[in-house]
C-alpha cells in the first residue's frame, strides 16, 4: 500500500500493565509512517500523584500533554482503547480518528453485553492486591491465548514488555476497566475502527455485533493482536490514516 506524506500521526496508547515497548512490532510494521506511543502515568516512571488514575479529567490532561499539536489518529489497545475514546470525546479538534485494538468499552459483562464475568474481574483485582507478580504472569498468559506463537510471545512479554510501576498504579488503572464507557462511543464523531481477535481470551469476539462502529475480526490471533498480526493491523491502520488525512486538512489542532 502506498502511503501519502501528509498523514496524521499515529499515536498509540498501551493497555493495562503494558509499557510503550508493547507497540514495537506494530511500529516496525508501519515502516515510514510517523508514530508515537504514550507512556501511561506511573507505568514506566514514578508519578507524583498515583490517584491521578481516579481523576478522569486529570488523567486526560496528562495524556493530552503527550500528544503533538498536529492531526493524530489514536490507536488504543485494550484499556488504551478506552483512554483513546476518552481523549477523542474530550478533544475532538485534536483527534482525526480512532482505532480500537481488542478493546471492550464495557470490559465487565453487563446485561446482554459480552465481557469478563464480574466474579472473575473481582478475583483478578484481588490477585493484583495480594499477589501482583503472579497475577501479572496470569494476565500475560491470557494475552497470549490464541496466539499462533504463544510461547515466544509470552517470553517477549516477560523479558521486554514487563511492568515496572507501583502496585498502587496497577490497581488504580485496573479499576478503570470495571466501569462502563459505552456512552463514549456515541460521543466520538471521528472515523472509528475496531479490530477484534478471533481467539481473544479477554475480549470476546461476540462484541463485533454490539459495538455499533466499523469492525474487522482478525483470525489467528489473541488479545496480543498488535504483535500476533502486526502486518495486518498496520495495513488497517494505514488505510484509516489515509481516510482521516482528508478530514484533518484545515482542522484546528491546538491545545484543548
Protein backbone atom coordinates (compact mmCIF):
# COMPACT_ATOMS: atom_id res chain seq x y z
CA UNK A 1 0.00 0.00 0.00
CA UNK A 2 1.37 3.42 -0.98
CA UNK A 3 1.17 5.89 1.89
CA UNK A 4 0.88 9.64 1.32
CA UNK A 5 3.24 12.05 3.09
CA UNK A 6 0.60 14.18 4.83
CA UNK A 7 -0.91 11.56 7.11
CA UNK A 8 -1.95 12.23 10.70
CA UNK A 9 0.45 10.95 13.34
CA UNK A 10 -0.45 7.52 14.70
CA UNK A 11 -0.49 7.99 18.48
CA UNK A 12 -0.59 4.67 20.30
CA UNK A 13 -1.89 4.04 23.81
CA UNK A 14 -0.87 0.82 25.61
CA UNK A 15 -3.16 -1.50 27.51
CA UNK A 16 -3.30 -2.33 31.20
CA UNK A 17 0.12 -3.06 32.76
CA UNK A 18 1.86 -2.55 29.41
CA UNK A 19 4.76 -0.16 28.74
CA UNK A 20 5.43 1.62 25.45
CA UNK A 21 7.53 -1.30 24.16
CA UNK A 22 4.33 -3.28 23.59
CA UNK A 23 3.84 -1.37 20.33
CA UNK A 24 7.29 -2.08 18.88
CA UNK A 25 6.08 -4.84 16.50
CA UNK A 26 3.32 -2.61 15.10
CA UNK A 27 5.60 0.41 14.74
CA UNK A 28 8.10 -1.72 12.86
CA UNK A 29 5.33 -2.96 10.56
CA UNK A 30 4.27 0.64 9.84
CA UNK A 31 7.65 1.42 8.31
CA UNK A 32 7.99 5.12 7.49
CA UNK A 33 4.60 6.10 8.91
CA UNK A 34 5.14 8.53 11.79
CA UNK A 35 4.02 7.14 15.13
CA UNK A 36 4.38 7.83 18.83
CA UNK A 37 3.49 5.84 21.93
CA UNK A 38 2.06 7.49 25.02
CA UNK A 39 3.56 6.49 28.35
CA UNK A 40 0.77 5.81 30.81
CA UNK A 41 1.16 7.72 34.11
CA UNK A 42 3.18 5.72 36.61
CA UNK A 43 3.82 2.79 34.29
CA UNK A 44 7.45 3.45 33.41
CA UNK A 45 8.36 6.43 35.60
CA UNK A 46 7.15 7.38 39.09
CA UNK A 47 4.07 9.57 39.14
CA UNK A 48 3.78 12.32 41.73
CA UNK A 49 0.13 11.54 42.44
CA UNK A 50 -0.94 7.88 41.98
CA UNK A 51 -4.58 8.95 42.49
CA UNK A 52 -4.34 10.54 39.02
CA UNK A 53 -5.94 7.37 37.68
CA UNK A 54 -9.00 8.06 39.81
CA UNK A 55 -9.49 11.57 38.40
CA UNK A 56 -10.58 11.28 34.72
CA UNK A 57 -10.01 14.93 33.81
CA UNK A 58 -6.51 14.98 35.31
CA UNK A 59 -5.69 11.68 33.60
CA UNK A 60 -6.90 13.03 30.26
CA UNK A 61 -4.81 16.17 30.72
CA UNK A 62 -1.69 14.12 31.44
CA UNK A 63 -2.20 12.14 28.23
CA UNK A 64 -3.14 15.15 26.09
CA UNK A 65 0.15 16.80 27.09
CA UNK A 66 1.97 14.00 25.25
CA UNK A 67 0.01 14.38 22.00
CA UNK A 68 1.56 16.56 19.28
CA UNK A 69 -0.24 19.70 18.11
CA UNK A 70 -0.91 18.09 14.75
CA UNK A 71 -3.67 15.87 13.41
CA UNK A 72 -3.50 12.46 15.12
CA UNK A 73 -5.19 9.11 14.91
CA UNK A 74 -5.35 7.42 18.30
CA UNK A 75 -4.58 3.70 18.37
CA UNK A 76 -5.68 2.24 21.69
CA UNK A 77 -5.04 -1.32 22.74
CA UNK A 78 -7.46 -2.79 25.31
CA UNK A 79 -7.52 -0.28 28.23
CA UNK A 80 -5.70 2.09 25.88
CA UNK A 81 -8.76 1.96 23.62
CA UNK A 82 -10.94 3.27 26.43
CA UNK A 83 -8.43 6.06 27.01
CA UNK A 84 -8.47 6.81 23.28
CA UNK A 85 -12.26 7.17 23.36
CA UNK A 86 -11.98 9.49 26.36
CA UNK A 87 -9.46 11.71 24.57
CA UNK A 88 -11.37 11.73 21.27
CA UNK A 89 -14.55 12.80 23.07
CA UNK A 90 -12.71 15.36 25.21
CA UNK A 91 -10.65 16.98 22.43
CA UNK A 92 -12.27 16.22 19.06
CA UNK A 93 -10.43 19.14 17.43
CA UNK A 94 -7.14 17.32 18.04
CA UNK A 95 -8.15 13.78 17.06
CA UNK A 96 -8.82 12.89 13.42
CA UNK A 97 -9.74 9.26 14.03
CA UNK A 98 -9.62 6.32 16.44
CA UNK A 99 -8.59 2.68 16.10
CA UNK A 100 -9.53 0.27 18.88
CA UNK A 101 -7.42 -2.88 19.20
CA UNK A 102 -9.08 -5.74 21.12
CA UNK A 103 -10.89 -3.18 23.25
CA UNK A 104 -14.17 -3.61 25.10
CA UNK A 105 -15.69 -0.27 26.18
CA UNK A 106 -17.56 -2.22 28.86
CA UNK A 107 -14.92 -4.76 29.89
CA UNK A 108 -17.03 -6.38 32.61
CA UNK A 109 -20.16 -8.14 31.35
CA UNK A 110 -23.45 -6.31 31.90
CA UNK A 111 -26.97 -7.42 30.95
CA UNK A 112 -26.63 -8.72 27.39
CA UNK A 113 -23.23 -7.12 26.80
CA UNK A 114 -20.38 -9.65 26.43
CA UNK A 115 -17.35 -9.26 28.68
CA UNK A 116 -15.47 -10.68 31.64
CA UNK A 117 -17.69 -12.10 34.39
CA UNK A 118 -17.97 -9.81 37.44
CA UNK A 119 -16.73 -12.59 39.72
CA UNK A 120 -13.65 -13.15 37.53
CA UNK A 121 -12.85 -9.45 37.46
CA UNK A 122 -13.19 -9.22 41.25
CA UNK A 123 -10.87 -12.22 41.66
CA UNK A 124 -8.39 -10.61 39.30
CA UNK A 125 -8.46 -7.35 41.26
CA UNK A 126 -7.92 -9.29 44.49
CA UNK A 127 -4.99 -11.07 42.85
CA UNK A 128 -3.32 -7.78 41.93
CA UNK A 129 -3.75 -6.60 45.53
CA UNK A 130 -2.41 -9.79 47.12
CA UNK A 131 -0.02 -11.32 44.56
CA UNK A 132 0.73 -8.78 41.80
CA UNK A 133 3.64 -10.67 40.21
CA UNK A 134 1.69 -13.93 39.97
CA UNK A 135 -1.40 -12.12 38.66
CA UNK A 136 0.60 -10.27 36.02
CA UNK A 137 2.02 -13.60 34.84
CA UNK A 138 -1.51 -14.96 34.56
CA UNK A 139 -2.58 -11.89 32.63
CA UNK A 140 0.31 -12.31 30.20
CA UNK A 141 -0.76 -15.89 29.62
CA UNK A 142 -4.29 -14.73 28.83
CA UNK A 143 -2.88 -12.15 26.41
CA UNK A 144 -1.05 -14.93 24.56
CA UNK A 145 -4.03 -17.27 24.46
CA UNK A 146 -4.93 -17.88 20.82
CA UNK A 147 -1.59 -16.61 19.53
CA UNK A 148 0.00 -18.76 16.81
CA UNK A 149 3.31 -18.32 18.66
CA UNK A 150 2.12 -18.25 22.25
CA UNK A 151 5.39 -19.38 23.87
CA UNK A 152 7.51 -16.85 22.03
CA UNK A 153 5.05 -14.07 22.74
CA UNK A 154 4.92 -15.00 26.44
CA UNK A 155 8.70 -14.82 26.65
CA UNK A 156 8.65 -11.46 24.86
CA UNK A 157 6.15 -10.08 27.36
CA UNK A 158 8.18 -11.32 30.33
CA UNK A 159 11.54 -10.08 29.08
CA UNK A 160 10.80 -6.92 27.07
CA UNK A 161 7.33 -5.68 27.99
CA UNK A 162 7.43 -6.00 31.76
CA UNK A 163 5.52 -3.64 34.05
CA UNK A 164 7.86 -1.61 36.27
CA UNK A 165 5.43 0.71 38.05
CA UNK A 166 3.92 0.53 41.53
CA UNK A 167 1.22 -1.80 42.76
CA UNK A 168 -1.00 1.20 43.56
CA UNK A 169 -0.83 2.43 39.96
CA UNK A 170 -1.58 -1.09 38.74
CA UNK A 171 -4.68 -1.30 40.93
CA UNK A 172 -5.89 2.22 40.15
CA UNK A 173 -5.61 1.73 36.40
CA UNK A 174 -7.28 -1.69 36.63
CA UNK A 175 -10.26 -0.07 38.34
CA UNK A 176 -11.00 1.85 35.13
CA UNK A 177 -11.78 -1.43 33.42
CA UNK A 178 -14.59 -2.02 35.89
CA UNK A 179 -16.57 0.96 34.62
CA UNK A 180 -18.89 1.32 31.63
CA UNK A 181 -17.64 3.54 28.80
CA UNK A 182 -20.11 2.57 26.08
CA UNK A 183 -21.54 6.09 26.09
CA UNK A 184 -18.24 7.40 24.76
CA UNK A 185 -18.82 5.50 21.51
CA UNK A 186 -21.77 7.78 20.73
CA UNK A 187 -19.75 10.91 21.52
CA UNK A 188 -16.98 10.11 19.05
CA UNK A 189 -17.87 11.59 15.67
CA UNK A 190 -14.49 10.91 14.07
CA UNK A 191 -13.85 7.78 11.96
CA UNK A 192 -13.79 4.84 14.38
CA UNK A 193 -12.47 1.38 13.53
CA UNK A 194 -12.37 -1.58 15.92
CA UNK A 195 -10.19 -4.63 15.34
CA UNK A 196 -11.06 -7.78 17.30
CA UNK A 197 -9.14 -11.05 17.52
CA UNK A 198 -10.88 -14.31 16.73
CA UNK A 199 -9.21 -16.23 19.59
CA UNK A 200 -9.11 -13.45 22.20
CA UNK A 201 -9.30 -14.82 25.76
CA UNK A 202 -10.11 -11.43 27.31
CA UNK A 203 -12.32 -9.55 24.86
CA UNK A 204 -14.98 -11.81 23.32
CA UNK A 205 -15.32 -11.69 19.54
CA UNK A 206 -19.12 -11.60 20.00
CA UNK A 207 -18.54 -7.93 20.73
CA UNK A 208 -18.41 -7.36 16.97
CA UNK A 209 -22.21 -7.36 16.86
CA UNK A 210 -22.53 -4.85 19.72
CA UNK A 211 -20.03 -2.06 19.09
CA UNK A 212 -22.02 -0.10 16.53
CA UNK A 213 -18.97 1.02 14.55
CA UNK A 214 -16.83 -0.36 11.74
CA UNK A 215 -15.40 -3.69 12.93
CA UNK A 216 -12.92 -6.18 11.47
CA UNK A 217 -12.25 -9.56 13.07
CA UNK A 218 -8.69 -10.81 12.62
CA UNK A 219 -8.07 -14.56 12.58
CA UNK A 220 -5.08 -16.43 14.04
CA UNK A 221 -4.66 -14.04 16.94
CA UNK A 222 -5.50 -13.49 20.58
CA UNK A 223 -5.53 -10.39 22.77
CA UNK A 224 -1.97 -9.65 21.67
CA UNK A 225 -3.26 -8.75 18.23
CA UNK A 226 -0.85 -5.85 17.76
CA UNK A 227 2.06 -8.33 17.87
CA UNK A 228 0.41 -11.51 16.56
CA UNK A 229 -0.75 -9.87 13.34
CA UNK A 230 1.31 -6.67 13.23
CA UNK A 231 1.40 -6.52 9.41
CA UNK A 232 -2.38 -6.93 9.14
CA UNK A 233 -3.03 -4.32 11.81
CA UNK A 234 -0.56 -1.97 10.10
CA UNK A 235 -2.44 -2.23 6.79
CA UNK A 236 -5.74 -1.43 8.50
CA UNK A 237 -4.12 1.50 10.29
CA UNK A 238 -2.55 2.89 7.11
CA UNK A 239 -5.94 2.77 5.43
CA UNK A 240 -7.54 4.60 8.36
CA UNK A 241 -4.78 7.21 8.35
CA UNK A 242 -5.39 7.83 4.64
CA UNK A 243 -9.12 8.24 5.24
CA UNK A 244 -8.54 10.62 8.13
CA UNK A 245 -5.94 12.68 6.24
CA UNK A 246 -8.58 14.41 4.14
CA UNK A 247 -10.77 15.24 7.12
CA UNK A 248 -7.78 16.56 9.06
CA UNK A 249 -6.81 19.12 6.43
CA UNK A 250 -7.58 22.61 7.61
CA UNK A 251 -8.55 21.46 11.11
CA UNK A 252 -7.63 23.31 14.31
CA UNK A 253 -5.44 21.06 16.40
CA UNK A 254 -4.42 23.49 19.10
CA UNK A 255 -4.32 22.64 22.78
CA UNK A 256 -7.61 21.69 24.37
